[in-house]
Protein backbone atom coordinates (compact mmCIF):
# COMPACT_ATOMS: atom_id res chain seq x y z
CA MET A 1 -5.19 8.03 -31.72
CA ASN A 2 -4.45 6.21 -34.91
CA ARG A 3 -5.52 2.94 -36.42
CA PHE A 4 -2.35 0.98 -35.00
CA SER A 5 -3.53 1.82 -31.54
CA ASP A 6 -7.33 1.96 -32.10
CA ILE A 7 -7.80 -1.04 -29.51
CA ASP A 8 -10.70 -2.02 -27.26
CA VAL A 9 -9.05 -2.15 -24.04
CA THR A 10 -12.08 -3.51 -22.15
CA LEU A 11 -12.09 -6.94 -23.77
CA LYS A 12 -15.78 -7.03 -23.13
CA ARG A 13 -17.72 -9.92 -24.86
CA LEU A 14 -20.00 -8.73 -27.75
CA PRO A 15 -22.36 -10.57 -30.02
CA ALA A 16 -20.88 -11.69 -33.22
CA VAL A 17 -21.20 -9.69 -36.49
CA TYR A 18 -21.72 -11.75 -39.52
CA GLY A 19 -24.82 -10.02 -41.40
CA TYR A 20 -22.75 -8.28 -43.99
CA HIS A 21 -21.80 -11.55 -45.65
CA SER A 22 -25.07 -11.66 -47.20
CA GLU A 23 -24.89 -8.02 -48.73
CA GLY A 24 -24.45 -7.54 -52.32
CA LEU A 25 -21.51 -5.81 -53.69
CA VAL A 26 -21.85 -2.19 -54.53
CA SER A 27 -19.72 0.75 -55.44
CA VAL A 28 -17.76 2.38 -52.65
CA GLU A 29 -20.01 5.60 -53.13
CA LYS A 30 -22.96 3.36 -52.48
CA ALA A 31 -21.43 1.52 -49.78
CA LEU A 32 -20.62 4.69 -47.77
CA GLU A 33 -23.83 6.49 -48.46
CA PRO A 34 -25.58 5.43 -45.30
CA ILE A 35 -22.77 7.12 -43.13
CA GLU A 36 -22.55 10.31 -45.16
CA SER A 37 -24.09 12.39 -42.42
CA GLN A 38 -21.35 11.24 -40.12
CA ILE A 39 -18.22 12.70 -42.12
CA ASN A 40 -18.08 16.06 -43.49
CA GLU A 41 -16.68 16.05 -47.19
CA LEU A 42 -16.88 12.35 -47.44
CA LYS A 43 -17.53 12.54 -51.19
CA LEU A 44 -14.30 14.41 -51.53
CA TYR A 45 -12.52 11.47 -49.42
CA ILE A 46 -14.09 8.99 -51.59
CA LYS A 47 -12.89 10.80 -54.86
CA ALA A 48 -9.30 10.85 -53.59
CA ALA A 49 -9.42 7.12 -52.71
CA LYS A 50 -10.57 6.22 -56.07
CA LYS A 51 -7.86 8.39 -57.64
CA TYR A 52 -4.93 7.41 -55.60
CA CYS A 53 -5.79 3.86 -54.96
CA HIS A 54 -3.78 0.93 -56.36
CA PHE A 55 -5.45 0.04 -59.55
CA PRO A 56 -5.05 -1.99 -61.72
CA SER A 57 -4.35 -4.73 -58.95
CA GLU A 58 -2.13 -7.69 -59.55
CA ASP A 59 -4.31 -9.38 -56.89
CA GLY A 60 -7.40 -8.97 -58.94
CA LEU A 61 -9.24 -6.22 -56.81
CA THR A 62 -11.68 -3.94 -58.66
CA ARG A 63 -11.32 -0.24 -58.34
CA ASP A 64 -13.97 0.11 -55.75
CA GLU A 65 -12.58 -2.83 -53.62
CA SER A 66 -9.04 -1.05 -53.74
CA ALA A 67 -10.54 2.27 -52.82
CA ALA A 68 -12.40 0.62 -49.83
CA VAL A 69 -9.12 -0.52 -48.41
CA TYR A 70 -7.23 3.00 -49.31
CA ILE A 71 -10.12 4.95 -47.60
CA TYR A 72 -9.94 2.81 -44.54
CA THR A 73 -6.16 4.02 -44.07
CA MET A 74 -6.65 7.63 -44.75
CA GLU A 75 -6.53 10.03 -41.81
CA TRP A 76 -8.48 13.14 -41.25
CA GLY A 77 -8.98 13.47 -37.37
CA LYS A 78 -11.71 12.22 -35.07
CA THR A 79 -13.99 11.45 -38.00
CA SER A 80 -11.47 9.33 -39.95
CA LEU A 81 -13.41 6.35 -41.37
CA TYR A 82 -11.53 3.71 -39.49
CA HIS A 83 -12.20 5.39 -36.08
CA LEU A 84 -16.08 5.68 -36.84
CA LEU A 85 -16.19 2.03 -38.03
CA ASN A 86 -14.29 0.52 -35.14
CA LYS A 87 -16.51 2.44 -32.83
CA ALA A 88 -19.64 0.98 -34.20
CA LEU A 89 -18.03 -2.44 -34.11
CA ARG A 90 -17.51 -2.03 -30.40
CA ASP A 91 -20.84 -0.90 -29.57
CA ALA A 92 -22.98 -3.67 -27.82
CA ASN A 93 -25.99 -2.61 -29.83
CA ARG A 94 -25.41 -4.31 -32.98
CA GLN A 95 -28.24 -2.50 -34.74
CA ASN A 96 -25.87 0.50 -35.03
CA ILE A 97 -23.27 -1.46 -37.16
CA ARG A 98 -25.93 -2.34 -39.85
CA ILE A 99 -25.45 0.86 -41.70
CA TRP A 100 -22.02 -0.18 -42.25
CA TYR A 101 -22.80 -3.61 -43.78
CA PRO A 102 -22.42 -2.48 -47.45
CA TYR A 103 -18.89 -1.18 -46.71
CA LEU A 104 -17.86 -4.04 -44.64
CA LYS A 105 -18.97 -6.48 -47.47
CA LEU A 106 -16.89 -4.40 -50.03
CA PHE A 107 -13.85 -4.23 -47.52
CA ASP A 108 -13.88 -7.88 -46.75
CA THR A 109 -14.12 -8.93 -50.31
CA ALA A 110 -11.09 -6.87 -51.08
CA LEU A 111 -9.16 -8.28 -48.10
CA ASP A 112 -9.99 -11.97 -49.23
CA LYS A 113 -8.25 -11.26 -52.43
CA LEU A 114 -4.93 -9.95 -50.85
CA PRO A 115 -2.06 -12.10 -49.66
CA THR A 116 -2.51 -13.98 -46.34
CA VAL A 117 0.28 -13.35 -43.79
CA LYS A 118 1.60 -16.08 -41.26
CA ASP A 119 4.05 -14.03 -39.29
CA SER A 120 4.80 -12.03 -36.30
CA VAL A 121 3.24 -8.44 -36.47
CA TRP A 122 2.87 -5.63 -33.99
CA ARG A 123 0.50 -3.22 -32.75
CA GLY A 124 0.10 -1.04 -29.44
CA VAL A 125 -1.67 1.30 -27.31
CA PRO A 126 -0.13 4.23 -25.43
CA LEU A 127 -1.54 3.06 -22.10
CA SER A 128 -0.37 0.74 -19.49
CA ILE A 129 -2.89 -2.21 -19.88
CA GLY A 130 -0.47 -5.35 -19.99
CA LYS A 131 -1.52 -6.14 -16.41
CA ASN A 132 -5.06 -7.01 -17.74
CA PHE A 133 -3.71 -9.85 -19.47
CA THR A 134 -2.79 -13.25 -18.14
CA LYS A 135 -1.03 -16.45 -19.81
CA ASP A 136 -3.66 -18.64 -21.80
CA GLN A 137 -6.40 -15.93 -21.64
CA VAL A 138 -8.72 -16.08 -24.72
CA PHE A 139 -10.44 -12.92 -26.19
CA THR A 140 -11.87 -11.51 -29.31
CA TRP A 141 -11.33 -8.19 -31.12
CA TRP A 142 -14.47 -7.41 -33.04
CA THR A 143 -12.76 -4.43 -34.67
CA VAL A 144 -10.68 -4.09 -37.84
CA ASN A 145 -7.10 -4.58 -36.39
CA SER A 146 -4.25 -2.62 -38.26
CA CYS A 147 -0.76 -4.09 -37.52
CA SER A 148 2.68 -3.59 -38.89
CA SER A 149 5.32 -6.09 -39.59
CA SER A 150 7.99 -3.49 -38.23
CA VAL A 151 7.99 -2.75 -34.56
CA ASN A 152 9.70 0.56 -35.18
CA VAL A 153 6.47 1.91 -37.08
CA ILE A 154 4.33 1.32 -33.84
CA LYS A 155 7.17 2.78 -31.54
CA ASN A 156 7.18 6.00 -33.61
CA PHE A 157 3.57 6.62 -32.82
CA PHE A 158 4.19 6.48 -28.99
CA GLY A 159 7.26 8.59 -28.85
CA ASN A 160 8.75 8.85 -25.33
CA ASN A 161 5.38 7.70 -23.61
CA LYS A 162 6.56 5.32 -20.91
CA SER A 163 3.08 3.78 -20.02
CA SER A 164 2.50 2.05 -23.21
CA THR A 165 1.68 -1.53 -24.35
CA LEU A 166 2.91 -3.33 -27.19
CA PHE A 167 1.36 -6.45 -28.70
CA LEU A 168 3.48 -9.01 -30.61
CA ILE A 169 0.98 -11.28 -32.54
CA GLN A 170 1.57 -14.48 -34.32
CA THR A 171 -1.01 -14.37 -37.04
CA ILE A 172 -1.87 -17.03 -39.29
CA ASN A 173 -4.70 -15.29 -41.20
CA GLY A 174 -3.55 -11.77 -41.68
CA LYS A 175 -4.02 -9.75 -44.77
CA LYS A 176 -1.25 -7.78 -46.36
CA ILE A 177 -2.53 -4.25 -47.38
CA SER A 178 0.77 -2.38 -47.94
CA GLY A 179 0.77 -1.20 -51.35
CA TYR A 180 -2.73 -0.45 -51.07
CA THR A 181 -2.81 2.16 -48.33
CA ALA A 182 -2.22 5.87 -48.05
CA TYR A 183 1.00 5.25 -46.17
CA GLU A 184 3.03 2.53 -47.99
CA SER A 185 6.02 2.74 -45.61
CA GLU A 186 3.96 1.40 -42.72
CA ASP A 187 4.14 -2.37 -43.84
CA GLU A 188 0.45 -2.66 -42.73
CA VAL A 189 -1.24 -5.97 -42.02
CA VAL A 190 -4.89 -6.17 -41.01
CA LEU A 191 -6.51 -8.81 -38.88
CA LYS A 192 -10.17 -9.34 -39.72
CA ILE A 193 -13.23 -8.56 -37.66
CA GLY A 194 -13.96 -11.30 -35.14
CA THR A 195 -10.19 -12.53 -34.82
CA GLN A 196 -9.55 -14.39 -31.71
CA PHE A 197 -6.27 -14.78 -29.69
CA ARG A 198 -4.77 -16.66 -26.86
CA VAL A 199 -2.06 -15.00 -24.61
CA LYS A 200 0.89 -17.03 -24.82
CA SER A 201 2.74 -15.93 -21.76
CA ASP A 202 2.49 -13.68 -18.88
CA PRO A 203 3.15 -9.89 -20.14
CA LEU A 204 6.75 -8.83 -20.11
CA GLU A 205 7.32 -5.54 -18.04
CA GLN A 206 9.97 -3.45 -19.51
CA SER A 207 12.29 -0.94 -17.35
CA ASN A 208 10.28 1.86 -18.68
CA GLN A 209 7.15 0.61 -17.23
CA SER A 210 5.62 -0.42 -20.63
CA HIS A 211 4.72 -3.88 -21.35
CA ILE A 212 4.94 -6.27 -24.20
CA VAL A 213 2.02 -8.94 -24.51
CA HIS A 214 2.58 -11.96 -26.81
CA LEU A 215 -0.57 -13.12 -28.33
CA MET A 216 -1.21 -16.20 -30.77
CA GLU A 217 -4.18 -15.98 -33.32
CA ILE A 218 -6.35 -19.02 -32.64
CA ASP A 219 -6.64 -21.43 -35.55
CA ASP A 220 -10.01 -23.04 -36.42
CA ASN A 221 -8.37 -26.43 -35.72
CA ASP A 222 -6.60 -25.28 -32.42
CA ASP A 223 -7.90 -27.77 -29.97
CA LYS A 224 -5.67 -26.65 -26.82
CA GLU A 225 -8.54 -24.05 -25.85
CA PRO A 226 -11.83 -26.07 -25.65
CA LEU A 227 -15.20 -24.87 -26.80
CA ALA A 228 -17.30 -22.56 -24.68
CA PRO A 229 -18.25 -24.50 -21.51
CA THR A 230 -21.87 -24.20 -22.55
CA MET A 231 -21.17 -25.96 -25.95
CA ASN A 232 -18.53 -28.72 -24.67
CA ASN A 233 -20.98 -29.81 -22.00
CA LEU A 234 -24.18 -29.55 -23.98
CA LYS A 235 -26.10 -32.68 -23.05
CA LEU A 236 -29.56 -32.01 -25.04
CA THR A 237 -31.69 -35.15 -25.30
CA SER A 238 -35.36 -35.71 -25.83
CA THR A 239 -37.51 -38.33 -27.08
CA PRO A 240 -38.19 -37.63 -30.78
CA SER A 241 -41.79 -36.59 -31.39
CA ASN A 242 -43.67 -38.90 -33.24
CA GLN A 243 -44.26 -38.23 -36.81
CA ARG A 244 -47.26 -39.56 -38.67
CA ALA A 245 -47.41 -40.77 -42.29
CA PRO A 246 -48.31 -37.84 -44.56
CA ASN A 247 -51.89 -37.50 -45.84
CA THR A 248 -51.33 -37.95 -49.44
CA SER A 249 -54.67 -36.41 -50.27
CA GLN A 250 -53.32 -33.07 -48.83
CA LEU A 251 -50.15 -33.12 -50.98
CA ARG A 252 -50.84 -31.23 -54.16
CA GLN A 253 -49.29 -32.47 -57.27
CA SER A 254 -47.44 -29.94 -59.60
CA THR A 255 -48.99 -29.18 -62.93
CA PHE A 256 -46.03 -27.45 -64.32
CA VAL A 257 -45.36 -27.99 -68.09
CA SER A 258 -42.09 -27.59 -69.71
CA HIS A 259 -40.05 -28.83 -72.62
CA VAL A 260 -38.42 -32.05 -71.85
CA PRO A 261 -34.82 -32.07 -73.15
CA GLN A 262 -34.16 -35.23 -75.20
CA PRO A 263 -30.92 -37.15 -74.73
CA LYS A 264 -28.45 -36.92 -77.56
CA PRO A 265 -28.45 -39.88 -79.80
CA GLU A 266 -25.73 -42.16 -79.57
CA SER A 267 -23.02 -42.12 -82.23
CA LYS A 268 -23.23 -44.81 -84.93
CA PRO A 269 -21.06 -47.83 -84.06
CA GLU A 270 -17.96 -48.49 -86.37
CA PRO A 271 -18.61 -51.32 -88.78
CA LYS A 272 -18.27 -54.81 -87.28
CA PRO A 273 -17.60 -53.66 -83.78
CA GLU A 274 -16.08 -56.03 -81.35
CA PRO A 275 -18.81 -57.33 -78.98
CA GLU A 276 -18.71 -55.88 -75.71
CA PRO A 277 -18.78 -57.96 -72.51
CA GLU A 278 -22.23 -57.94 -70.85
CA PRO A 279 -22.33 -55.90 -67.63
CA PRO A 280 -22.63 -57.95 -64.58
CA LYS A 281 -26.19 -58.57 -63.34
CA LEU A 282 -27.17 -56.91 -60.22
CA LYS A 283 -28.10 -59.21 -57.29
CA PRO A 284 -31.69 -59.07 -56.51
CA PRO A 285 -32.48 -56.92 -53.57
CA GLU A 286 -32.53 -58.80 -50.19
CA PHE A 287 -35.33 -57.58 -47.99
CA ALA A 288 -35.27 -57.80 -44.02
CA THR A 289 -37.62 -60.37 -42.65
CA PRO A 290 -40.86 -58.57 -41.49
CA GLY A 291 -40.77 -57.17 -37.87
CA THR A 292 -36.99 -57.21 -37.78
CA TYR A 293 -36.79 -53.57 -38.01
CA ALA A 294 -38.99 -50.54 -37.10
CA GLU A 295 -41.76 -49.79 -39.57
CA LEU A 296 -40.82 -47.29 -42.26
CA ARG A 297 -42.88 -44.14 -42.70
CA CYS A 298 -43.40 -44.98 -46.14
CA LYS A 299 -44.75 -48.55 -45.30
CA GLY A 300 -42.03 -49.84 -47.63
CA ARG A 301 -40.02 -53.09 -47.21
CA PRO A 302 -36.45 -52.38 -45.40
CA CYS A 303 -33.30 -53.56 -46.94
CA VAL A 304 -31.65 -56.39 -45.05
CA LYS A 305 -28.38 -54.38 -44.83
CA CYS A 306 -29.14 -50.68 -44.71
CA GLN A 307 -32.70 -50.87 -43.30
CA LYS A 308 -33.75 -48.30 -46.04
CA CYS A 309 -36.75 -48.69 -48.40
CA ARG A 310 -35.96 -51.08 -51.22
CA ASP A 311 -39.48 -50.67 -52.97
CA TRP A 312 -38.20 -48.37 -55.71
CA ARG A 313 -35.56 -48.83 -58.50
CA PHE A 314 -33.96 -46.32 -60.65
CA ARG A 315 -33.74 -46.78 -64.49
CA GLY A 316 -31.82 -43.75 -65.62
CA ASN A 317 -28.10 -42.78 -66.01
CA GLN A 318 -25.60 -41.03 -63.78
CA ASP A 319 -26.45 -37.40 -65.10
CA GLN A 320 -30.33 -38.15 -64.42
CA TRP A 321 -29.55 -39.38 -61.03
CA ASN A 322 -27.45 -36.25 -60.07
CA TRP A 323 -30.64 -34.34 -61.24
CA VAL A 324 -33.09 -36.08 -59.29
CA CYS A 325 -30.85 -36.07 -56.11
CA ASN A 326 -31.17 -32.19 -56.41
CA HIS A 327 -34.95 -32.22 -56.35
CA ARG A 328 -34.98 -29.91 -53.34
CA ASN A 329 -33.63 -27.06 -55.44
CA TRP A 330 -35.74 -27.66 -58.59
CA ASP A 331 -37.26 -24.72 -60.25
CA GLN A 332 -40.62 -24.78 -62.26
CA ALA A 333 -39.00 -26.16 -65.38
CA ASP A 334 -37.34 -29.00 -63.57
CA TRP A 335 -40.71 -29.91 -61.89
CA GLY A 336 -42.38 -29.74 -65.30
CA ARG A 337 -39.79 -32.08 -66.81
CA TRP A 338 -40.50 -34.48 -64.02
CA TYR A 339 -44.17 -34.72 -64.15
CA ASN A 340 -44.14 -34.84 -68.12
CA ALA A 341 -41.89 -37.66 -68.56
CA ASP A 342 -38.93 -38.20 -66.10
CA LYS A 343 -40.99 -39.47 -63.11
CA LYS A 344 -40.74 -42.81 -65.06
CA LEU A 345 -37.08 -42.91 -64.09
CA LEU A 346 -38.23 -44.21 -60.68
CA LYS A 347 -40.10 -47.43 -60.94
CA LYS A 348 -41.80 -49.22 -57.81
CA ARG A 349 -41.19 -52.69 -57.79
CA HIS A 350 -44.24 -55.03 -58.48
CA SER A 351 -44.36 -56.21 -54.91
CA GLY A 352 -43.65 -53.22 -53.28
CA THR A 353 -45.69 -52.10 -50.31
CA CYS A 354 -44.64 -48.55 -50.24
CA PHE A 355 -47.74 -46.29 -50.26
CA PHE A 356 -46.42 -43.41 -52.38
CA ASP A 357 -47.33 -43.09 -56.04
CA ASP A 358 -44.63 -42.76 -58.56
CA GLY A 359 -45.52 -39.16 -59.30
CA ASP A 360 -44.21 -38.15 -55.72
CA LEU A 361 -40.72 -37.65 -54.70
CA TYR A 362 -41.77 -37.75 -50.99
CA TYR A 363 -40.68 -41.37 -50.28
CA PHE A 364 -37.22 -40.04 -51.27
CA ASP A 365 -35.99 -39.42 -47.73
CA ASP A 366 -37.19 -42.65 -46.43
CA GLY A 367 -34.01 -44.22 -48.12
CA LEU A 368 -34.20 -44.12 -51.92
CA ARG A 369 -31.38 -41.64 -52.02
CA ASP A 370 -29.38 -43.94 -49.94
CA GLU A 371 -29.92 -46.89 -51.93
CA PHE A 372 -28.96 -45.36 -55.36
CA SER A 373 -26.27 -43.24 -53.95
CA SER A 374 -24.75 -46.70 -53.01
CA PHE A 375 -25.08 -47.88 -56.58
CA PHE A 376 -23.79 -44.77 -58.32
CA ARG A 377 -21.38 -42.62 -56.05
CA GLY A 378 -22.40 -43.44 -52.44
CA ARG A 379 -19.50 -45.72 -51.89
CA ARG A 380 -16.91 -43.25 -52.89
CA HIS A 381 -18.25 -40.69 -50.45
CA ARG A 382 -18.98 -43.21 -47.69
CA ASP A 383 -15.40 -44.31 -47.93
CA HIS A 384 -14.07 -40.83 -47.75
CA LEU A 385 -16.45 -40.13 -44.61
CA GLN A 386 -14.98 -43.41 -43.16
CA ASN A 387 -11.38 -42.18 -43.86
CA VAL A 388 -11.78 -39.13 -41.78
CA GLY A 389 -13.05 -41.34 -38.77
CA ILE A 390 -16.89 -41.23 -39.38
CA ASN A 391 -18.49 -44.79 -38.49
CA VAL A 392 -20.55 -45.98 -41.48
CA ALA A 393 -23.48 -46.61 -39.32
CA ASN A 394 -23.69 -42.84 -38.89
CA ILE A 395 -23.71 -41.95 -42.77
CA GLY A 396 -27.53 -41.33 -43.26
CA PHE A 397 -30.28 -39.15 -43.21
CA SER A 398 -31.06 -39.56 -39.42
CA SER A 399 -27.60 -38.22 -38.59
CA LEU A 400 -26.01 -36.50 -41.50
CA THR A 401 -27.05 -33.06 -42.78
CA MET A 402 -25.83 -30.68 -45.71
CA GLU A 403 -27.40 -27.50 -45.73
CA SER A 404 -25.14 -26.38 -48.69
CA ASP A 405 -22.27 -27.39 -50.84
CA LYS A 406 -20.03 -25.84 -48.22
CA PHE A 407 -20.24 -28.07 -45.14
CA ILE A 408 -21.53 -31.69 -43.97
CA CYS A 409 -22.42 -32.21 -40.41
CA VAL A 410 -22.51 -35.67 -38.89
CA ARG A 411 -23.83 -36.76 -35.33
CA GLU A 412 -22.40 -40.00 -33.99
CA LYS A 413 -21.73 -41.77 -30.76
CA VAL A 414 -18.82 -43.53 -29.86
CA ASN A 415 -18.51 -45.33 -26.42
CA ASP A 416 -21.67 -43.39 -25.12
CA THR A 417 -20.11 -40.18 -25.88
CA ALA A 418 -21.92 -38.19 -28.44
CA PHE A 419 -20.07 -36.09 -30.99
CA VAL A 420 -20.89 -33.67 -33.84
CA ILE A 421 -18.39 -33.84 -36.80
CA MET A 422 -18.23 -30.74 -39.15
CA ILE A 423 -16.59 -31.26 -42.61
CA ASP A 424 -15.49 -28.24 -44.45
CA MET A 425 -15.62 -29.24 -48.28
CA ALA A 426 -13.06 -26.86 -48.97
CA ASP A 427 -10.82 -28.86 -46.46
CA PRO A 428 -12.29 -32.12 -46.07
CA LYS A 429 -9.14 -33.83 -44.66
CA ASN A 430 -9.45 -31.75 -41.48
CA PRO A 431 -12.96 -32.25 -39.89
CA ILE A 432 -13.71 -30.39 -36.59
CA LYS A 433 -14.95 -32.89 -34.04
CA ARG A 434 -16.63 -31.72 -30.82
CA PRO A 435 -18.43 -33.63 -27.91
CA ILE A 436 -21.97 -32.34 -28.36
CA THR A 437 -25.21 -34.39 -27.72
CA ALA A 438 -28.38 -33.11 -29.55
CA ASP A 439 -31.32 -34.31 -31.54
CA SER A 440 -30.33 -32.20 -34.50
CA ALA A 441 -27.44 -30.26 -35.82
CA ILE A 442 -27.38 -28.16 -38.89
CA MET A 443 -24.43 -26.01 -40.26
CA ASN A 444 -24.89 -22.49 -41.63
CA PRO A 445 -24.62 -22.66 -45.38
CA ALA A 446 -21.89 -19.95 -45.51
CA SER A 447 -20.00 -19.74 -42.41
CA LYS A 448 -18.51 -22.04 -39.34
CA VAL A 449 -21.82 -21.57 -37.36
CA ILE A 450 -23.78 -24.55 -36.08
CA ALA A 451 -27.57 -24.71 -35.10
CA LEU A 452 -28.25 -27.54 -32.32
CA LYS A 453 -31.79 -28.68 -31.49
CA ALA A 454 -33.10 -30.87 -28.68
CA GLY A 455 -36.80 -31.06 -27.97
CA LYS A 456 -37.94 -27.41 -27.40
CA THR A 457 -34.52 -26.25 -26.78
CA LEU A 458 -32.63 -24.26 -29.78
CA GLN A 459 -29.10 -22.85 -29.77
CA ILE A 460 -26.59 -21.33 -32.20
CA PHE A 461 -22.83 -21.53 -31.87
CA ASN A 462 -20.11 -20.08 -33.61
CA ILE A 463 -17.33 -22.76 -34.07
CA GLU A 464 -14.46 -20.41 -35.07
CA LEU A 465 -14.97 -18.24 -32.10
CA ARG A 466 -16.06 -21.05 -29.57
CA THR A 467 -19.06 -19.06 -28.33
CA ARG A 468 -22.64 -19.60 -27.98
CA MET A 469 -24.44 -16.84 -30.05
CA LYS A 470 -28.01 -17.35 -29.07
CA THR A 471 -30.44 -19.97 -27.33
CA PHE A 472 -34.30 -20.14 -27.23
CA ASN A 473 -36.71 -22.44 -25.58
CA MET A 474 -39.65 -22.82 -28.00
CA ALA A 475 -43.39 -23.15 -26.56
CA GLU A 476 -44.00 -26.31 -28.80
CA ASP A 477 -41.79 -28.91 -30.39
CA CYS A 478 -40.00 -27.84 -33.57
CA ILE A 479 -40.77 -30.57 -36.08
CA PHE A 480 -38.57 -29.20 -39.17
CA TRP A 481 -35.92 -26.58 -39.44
CA LYS A 482 -33.26 -25.52 -41.87
CA TRP A 483 -31.42 -22.42 -42.77
CA VAL A 484 -33.38 -20.40 -45.22
CA SER A 485 -30.49 -17.76 -45.70
CA VAL A 486 -26.93 -17.12 -44.46
CA ASN A 487 -28.08 -15.53 -41.07
CA THR A 488 -31.85 -16.99 -40.71
CA ILE A 489 -33.34 -20.34 -39.72
CA GLY A 490 -36.72 -21.28 -40.65
CA ILE A 491 -38.57 -23.20 -37.86
CA VAL A 492 -41.75 -25.28 -38.52
CA THR A 493 -43.96 -26.43 -35.62
CA GLU A 494 -47.33 -28.19 -35.69
CA THR A 495 -49.16 -24.87 -35.59
CA SER A 496 -47.00 -22.16 -36.83
CA VAL A 497 -43.80 -20.99 -38.86
CA TYR A 498 -41.12 -18.71 -37.49
CA HIS A 499 -37.89 -17.30 -38.58
CA TRP A 500 -35.12 -16.84 -36.25
CA THR A 501 -32.11 -14.62 -37.25
CA MET A 502 -28.64 -15.22 -35.66
CA GLU A 503 -27.98 -11.39 -35.53
CA GLY A 504 -28.49 -9.59 -32.32
CA ASP A 505 -30.70 -10.76 -29.56
CA SER A 506 -34.09 -11.24 -31.35
CA GLN A 507 -36.29 -14.18 -30.59
CA PRO A 508 -37.88 -16.23 -33.45
CA VAL A 509 -40.51 -14.36 -35.22
CA LYS A 510 -43.89 -15.80 -36.29
CA MET A 511 -44.21 -15.49 -39.91
CA PHE A 512 -47.58 -17.18 -40.42
CA ASP A 513 -49.97 -19.92 -38.77
CA ARG A 514 -50.46 -23.26 -40.46
CA HIS A 515 -53.96 -24.40 -41.33
CA GLN A 516 -55.29 -26.75 -38.49
CA SER A 517 -56.19 -29.33 -41.14
CA LEU A 518 -52.39 -29.95 -41.79
CA GLN A 519 -51.49 -30.86 -38.34
CA GLY A 520 -49.90 -34.22 -38.17
CA CYS A 521 -48.57 -34.21 -41.74
CA GLN A 522 -45.16 -35.05 -42.59
CA ILE A 523 -42.95 -31.94 -43.54
CA ILE A 524 -40.96 -32.49 -46.62
CA ASN A 525 -39.33 -29.18 -46.79
CA TYR A 526 -39.72 -25.46 -46.30
CA ARG A 527 -38.71 -23.05 -48.98
CA THR A 528 -38.54 -19.06 -49.20
CA ASP A 529 -37.84 -16.75 -52.06
CA GLU A 530 -34.64 -14.68 -51.92
CA SER A 531 -36.10 -11.71 -50.11
CA LEU A 532 -38.07 -13.95 -47.51
CA GLN A 533 -41.37 -12.68 -48.65
CA TRP A 534 -42.82 -15.78 -50.09
CA LEU A 535 -42.84 -18.77 -47.82
CA LEU A 536 -43.90 -22.35 -48.64
CA VAL A 537 -44.18 -25.48 -46.54
CA ASN A 538 -44.64 -28.81 -48.29
């Protein structure tokens, strides 16, 4: 057995492995410390890897990252690192892979810096397993997959073995590690954990009873293969739970105090400046006729065009508006600045009927953000979303979510068919659109994983792998939810708060019970500290 033929021939379905993405980067010694008991003389092998690895690196790898790649390619028998790692990755008990997370983080970070290969590569196994594959079959390899751009390298490992299977793989996301390995002549290309393939054609049987299987790596935007049937046919609908207006007496106002930065004084004008033309006057807001639209939660008057609250006006500049829009991520200094002075940036109109005070930002989600985004920058963003095929009526808080600066998720309905559109901010011109019906959809902040909610039913899907990762039926309605980390969702019900990790088969875990007096209050947000030890519902 060698790493080019270390293949899971069973093709069994396994839970996804993503937890290592949230690990911090450490040295290769620290990363492999949890598995030291499994490999004799591991410290000696690490020392050799750090000594002989390719460093300095023209690709920007650190010495530890380069050593992580080098030690993966080293061979020392049955306890070779790649063999133990792939064995753990094939284990259905995902708890057994956790000790490898620090190393996987270091290894994956190194691969991300290396050149991407879009070409044909080879790997194989000295077994006659070609008959196990059929045309258009889709499967996933959850191991680290070593390939070579030279078929002769693979054949040399088989010798005269007649019962063998060669895989010809058309890769689009391979990583070229030749130059960083212990055997530079092998032209090695690595396919990452969780790479998905489609069998392009029926296996070709050779005269010596061996087989060649032609595989194609599946692209994220490859629509030939539909999503998992459970996701394609998902028709989750329910009547949204009635949300009552918040009891403002139960909302505590912050008392943080901090220095308020003063704006820089404007430069003095040159002598006898030419008079500047007056800016065009904004038209007065148009309010909808009472009773035209559903009553807003804030009791404010809806706009005749967007149906959002028009009872507030913003009096600051673009930089201040950007800061206000980020209020969900404010720290103590920001809140101190707000309550000391900057809350005056938002002014209620004299005839306003909104019941909130100008010291609260809770009316924000009733439409103020939409109104002033339209004034400052919303039109540019709205036009871009329309350019990728999103109906302008679906660009709002009820149907659009953004859990991080990486993804935008939009729910819309076209001709009675519901869709969820996922926009990767790194590639906004190529959105992913899938027929999904659900009451709420939130993208994972770091990866192409989406959580869907309908009534008491919650599900998590991996978009890249087209598989359903988890599903759970809550005992009571989920009235608020969000990703609190890259692998954990916070779930708030009327009585309790839960955390649900996407790793393994675990169910939501109750974190604490909410006080009875808070039942019926509107949930504005749910926040945690980085360690998930301090939890706050507001």
